[in-house]
Amino acid sequence: IEQNYFKAAEWYSLASNLGRHAQSQFALAQLYFNGRGVPHDYAEALALYRKAARRGHAAAQYLIGAMYQDGWGVKSDYAEAYKWYSLALPRAAEVMAVNSSYDPARALERLKKKMRKFQIGQGEKRLKEWRRSR
């Protein structure tokens, strides 16, 4: 069939809302992030990535980290980026299966070089709080 981002957005939205399905939430977030079939909207992409991330979607966790690192739709926050990259790290193969350039280990190492010790400590604290709340 012919590729149609508008139809894809409809179906992903339905699956995301009805089934609370992490992969459909992630796919819909990707459409919002890139403005395909839906308006370009980083805030909506982030909200959907968060939903998928709460369900353990490692690539969503990685991309939330990237959004916080680079300030896409949010204020740049290295400690928050550190938390999200760290969450994605144990399942790096899953992340890189989505896009081979999405490497949580490399992203985390690059990020650490930009961070102060206090920021790393804050990132570790947020990571522990996240894991404790699960």
C-alpha atoms as a PDB file:
ATOM      1  CA  ILE A   1       0.000   0.000   0.000  1.00  0.00           C
ATOM      2  CA  GLU A   2       0.980   3.615  -0.366  1.00  0.00           C
ATOM      3  CA  GLN A   3       2.720   5.248   2.593  1.00  0.00           C
ATOM      4  CA  ASN A   4       0.336   7.618   4.387  1.00  0.00           C
ATOM      5  CA  TYR A   5       1.525   9.368   7.564  1.00  0.00           C
ATOM      6  CA  PHE A   6      -1.936  10.811   8.226  1.00  0.00           C
ATOM      7  CA  LYS A   7      -3.512   7.333   8.348  1.00  0.00           C
ATOM      8  CA  ALA A   8      -0.578   6.034  10.350  1.00  0.00           C
ATOM      9  CA  ALA A   9      -1.123   8.803  12.903  1.00  0.00           C
ATOM     10  CA  GLU A  10      -4.812   7.865  13.172  1.00  0.00           C
ATOM     11  CA  TRP A  11      -4.060   4.204  13.780  1.00  0.00           C
ATOM     12  CA  TYR A  12      -1.185   4.854  16.183  1.00  0.00           C
ATOM     13  CA  SER A  13      -3.381   7.279  18.114  1.00  0.00           C
ATOM     14  CA  LEU A  14      -6.153   4.721  18.394  1.00  0.00           C
ATOM     15  CA  ALA A  15      -3.791   1.987  19.549  1.00  0.00           C
ATOM     16  CA  SER A  16      -2.006   4.373  21.896  1.00  0.00           C
ATOM     17  CA  ASN A  17      -5.168   5.577  23.595  1.00  0.00           C
ATOM     18  CA  LEU A  18      -7.180   2.377  23.682  1.00  0.00           C
ATOM     19  CA  GLY A  19      -4.499  -0.200  24.216  1.00  0.00           C
ATOM     20  CA  ARG A  20      -1.961   1.881  26.069  1.00  0.00           C
ATOM     21  CA  HIS A  21       0.556   0.175  23.828  1.00  0.00           C
ATOM     22  CA  ALA A  22       4.142   1.414  24.258  1.00  0.00           C
ATOM     23  CA  GLN A  23       5.206   0.774  20.665  1.00  0.00           C
ATOM     24  CA  SER A  24       2.249   2.718  19.239  1.00  0.00           C
ATOM     25  CA  GLN A  25       2.889   5.565  21.702  1.00  0.00           C
ATOM     26  CA  PHE A  26       6.502   5.630  20.569  1.00  0.00           C
ATOM     27  CA  ALA A  27       5.568   5.539  16.865  1.00  0.00           C
ATOM     28  CA  LEU A  28       3.051   8.370  17.307  1.00  0.00           C
ATOM     29  CA  ALA A  29       5.655  10.372  19.230  1.00  0.00           C
ATOM     30  CA  GLN A  30       8.041   9.922  16.307  1.00  0.00           C
ATOM     31  CA  LEU A  31       5.416  11.378  13.962  1.00  0.00           C
ATOM     32  CA  TYR A  32       4.947  14.442  16.203  1.00  0.00           C
ATOM     33  CA  PHE A  33       8.696  14.848  16.644  1.00  0.00           C
ATOM     34  CA  ASN A  34       9.224  14.879  12.882  1.00  0.00           C
ATOM     35  CA  GLY A  35       5.936  16.535  11.879  1.00  0.00           C
ATOM     36  CA  ARG A  36       4.759  13.687   9.658  1.00  0.00           C
ATOM     37  CA  GLY A  37       0.997  13.275   9.354  1.00  0.00           C
ATOM     38  CA  VAL A  38       0.515  15.511  12.393  1.00  0.00           C
ATOM     39  CA  PRO A  39       1.737  18.998  13.304  1.00  0.00           C
ATOM     40  CA  HIS A  40       5.392  19.223  14.353  1.00  0.00           C
ATOM     41  CA  ASP A  41       5.095  19.362  18.159  1.00  0.00           C
ATOM     42  CA  TYR A  42       7.965  18.567  20.511  1.00  0.00           C
ATOM     43  CA  ALA A  43       5.742  18.886  23.594  1.00  0.00           C
ATOM     44  CA  GLU A  44       3.305  16.271  22.298  1.00  0.00           C
ATOM     45  CA  ALA A  45       6.192  14.046  21.226  1.00  0.00           C
ATOM     46  CA  LEU A  46       7.695  14.298  24.706  1.00  0.00           C
ATOM     47  CA  ALA A  47       4.372  13.461  26.379  1.00  0.00           C
ATOM     48  CA  LEU A  48       4.007  10.361  24.212  1.00  0.00           C
ATOM     49  CA  TYR A  49       7.636   9.328  24.670  1.00  0.00           C
ATOM     50  CA  ARG A  50       7.044   9.571  28.439  1.00  0.00           C
ATOM     51  CA  LYS A  51       4.029   7.273  28.222  1.00  0.00           C
ATOM     52  CA  ALA A  52       6.052   4.716  26.279  1.00  0.00           C
ATOM     53  CA  ALA A  53       9.048   5.138  28.602  1.00  0.00           C
ATOM     54  CA  ARG A  54       6.896   4.407  31.657  1.00  0.00           C
ATOM     55  CA  ARG A  55       6.044   1.114  29.980  1.00  0.00           C
ATOM     56  CA  GLY A  56       9.752   0.376  29.541  1.00  0.00           C
ATOM     57  CA  HIS A  57      10.279   1.434  25.917  1.00  0.00           C
ATOM     58  CA  ALA A  58      14.062   1.878  25.836  1.00  0.00           C
ATOM     59  CA  ALA A  59      14.219   3.973  22.635  1.00  0.00           C
ATOM     60  CA  ALA A  60      11.652   6.367  24.113  1.00  0.00           C
ATOM     61  CA  GLN A  61      13.836   6.665  27.207  1.00  0.00           C
ATOM     62  CA  TYR A  62      16.846   7.418  25.027  1.00  0.00           C
ATOM     63  CA  LEU A  63      15.018  10.080  23.021  1.00  0.00           C
ATOM     64  CA  ILE A  64      13.716  11.774  26.160  1.00  0.00           C
ATOM     65  CA  GLY A  65      17.352  11.992  27.223  1.00  0.00           C
ATOM     66  CA  ALA A  66      18.268  13.583  23.903  1.00  0.00           C
ATOM     67  CA  MET A  67      15.414  16.069  24.194  1.00  0.00           C
ATOM     68  CA  TYR A  68      16.581  17.148  27.650  1.00  0.00           C
ATOM     69  CA  GLN A  69      20.210  17.276  26.606  1.00  0.00           C
ATOM     70  CA  ASP A  70      19.600  19.469  23.580  1.00  0.00           C
ATOM     71  CA  GLY A  71      16.540  21.394  24.786  1.00  0.00           C
ATOM     72  CA  TRP A  72      14.065  20.161  22.173  1.00  0.00           C
ATOM     73  CA  GLY A  73      10.706  21.378  23.481  1.00  0.00           C
ATOM     74  CA  VAL A  74      12.004  21.565  27.058  1.00  0.00           C
ATOM     75  CA  LYS A  75      14.605  23.542  28.933  1.00  0.00           C
ATOM     76  CA  SER A  76      17.957  21.805  28.638  1.00  0.00           C
ATOM     77  CA  ASP A  77      18.596  19.739  31.780  1.00  0.00           C
ATOM     78  CA  TYR A  78      21.704  17.563  31.820  1.00  0.00           C
ATOM     79  CA  ALA A  79      20.766  15.773  35.049  1.00  0.00           C
ATOM     80  CA  GLU A  80      17.419  14.765  33.554  1.00  0.00           C
ATOM     81  CA  ALA A  81      19.116  13.678  30.323  1.00  0.00           C
ATOM     82  CA  TYR A  82      21.561  11.620  32.397  1.00  0.00           C
ATOM     83  CA  LYS A  83      18.653   9.847  34.099  1.00  0.00           C
ATOM     84  CA  TRP A  84      16.947   8.933  30.826  1.00  0.00           C
ATOM     85  CA  TYR A  85      20.094   7.792  29.040  1.00  0.00           C
ATOM     86  CA  SER A  86      20.935   5.657  32.095  1.00  0.00           C
ATOM     87  CA  LEU A  87      17.487   4.063  32.003  1.00  0.00           C
ATOM     88  CA  ALA A  88      17.966   3.162  28.323  1.00  0.00           C
ATOM     89  CA  LEU A  89      21.515   1.858  28.797  1.00  0.00           C
ATOM     90  CA  PRO A  90      20.720  -1.724  29.961  1.00  0.00           C
ATOM     91  CA  ARG A  91      18.709  -2.275  26.768  1.00  0.00           C
ATOM     92  CA  ALA A  92      21.024  -0.479  24.368  1.00  0.00           C
ATOM     93  CA  ALA A  93      20.580  -3.167  21.704  1.00  0.00           C
ATOM     94  CA  GLU A  94      16.833  -2.443  21.601  1.00  0.00           C
ATOM     95  CA  VAL A  95      17.518   1.274  21.309  1.00  0.00           C
ATOM     96  CA  MET A  96      20.044   0.812  18.529  1.00  0.00           C
ATOM     97  CA  ALA A  97      17.628  -1.511  16.675  1.00  0.00           C
ATOM     98  CA  VAL A  98      15.382   1.531  16.208  1.00  0.00           C
ATOM     99  CA  ASN A  99      18.265   3.634  14.886  1.00  0.00           C
ATOM    100  CA  SER A 100      21.898   2.561  14.897  1.00  0.00           C
ATOM    101  CA  SER A 101      22.985   6.095  15.806  1.00  0.00           C
ATOM    102  CA  TYR A 102      20.990   5.936  19.063  1.00  0.00           C
ATOM    103  CA  ASP A 103      23.723   4.646  21.359  1.00  0.00           C
ATOM    104  CA  PRO A 104      22.950   5.244  25.053  1.00  0.00           C
ATOM    105  CA  ALA A 105      26.492   4.414  26.188  1.00  0.00           C
ATOM    106  CA  ARG A 106      28.074   6.884  23.783  1.00  0.00           C
ATOM    107  CA  ALA A 107      25.453   9.552  24.516  1.00  0.00           C
ATOM    108  CA  LEU A 108      25.970   9.156  28.262  1.00  0.00           C
ATOM    109  CA  GLU A 109      29.753   9.408  27.949  1.00  0.00           C
ATOM    110  CA  ARG A 110      29.506  12.547  25.815  1.00  0.00           C
ATOM    111  CA  LEU A 111      27.015  14.068  28.212  1.00  0.00           C
ATOM    112  CA  LYS A 112      29.184  13.353  31.271  1.00  0.00           C
ATOM    113  CA  LYS A 113      32.008  15.363  29.688  1.00  0.00           C
ATOM    114  CA  LYS A 114      29.725  18.417  29.708  1.00  0.00           C
ATOM    115  CA  MET A 115      28.470  17.912  33.259  1.00  0.00           C
ATOM    116  CA  ARG A 116      29.753  19.064  36.627  1.00  0.00           C
ATOM    117  CA  LYS A 117      29.990  16.582  39.491  1.00  0.00           C
ATOM    118  CA  PHE A 118      26.923  18.122  41.109  1.00  0.00           C
ATOM    119  CA  GLN A 119      24.865  17.559  37.950  1.00  0.00           C
ATOM    120  CA  ILE A 120      25.968  13.923  37.746  1.00  0.00           C
ATOM    121  CA  GLY A 121      24.975  13.508  41.388  1.00  0.00           C
ATOM    122  CA  GLN A 122      21.568  15.006  40.616  1.00  0.00           C
ATOM    123  CA  GLY A 123      21.183  12.653  37.669  1.00  0.00           C
ATOM    124  CA  GLU A 124      22.041   9.654  39.858  1.00  0.00           C
ATOM    125  CA  LYS A 125      19.562  10.833  42.487  1.00  0.00           C
ATOM    126  CA  ARG A 126      16.776  11.177  39.899  1.00  0.00           C
ATOM    127  CA  LEU A 127      17.617   7.762  38.488  1.00  0.00           C
ATOM    128  CA  LYS A 128      17.323   6.159  41.939  1.00  0.00           C
ATOM    129  CA  GLU A 129      14.015   7.945  42.571  1.00  0.00           C
ATOM    130  CA  TRP A 130      12.650   6.739  39.223  1.00  0.00           C
ATOM    131  CA  ARG A 131      13.654   3.144  39.931  1.00  0.00           C
ATOM    132  CA  ARG A 132      12.266   3.312  43.453  1.00  0.00           C
ATOM    133  CA  SER A 133       8.911   4.559  42.140  1.00  0.00           C
ATOM    134  CA  ARG A 134       8.569   1.583  39.756  1.00  0.00           C
END
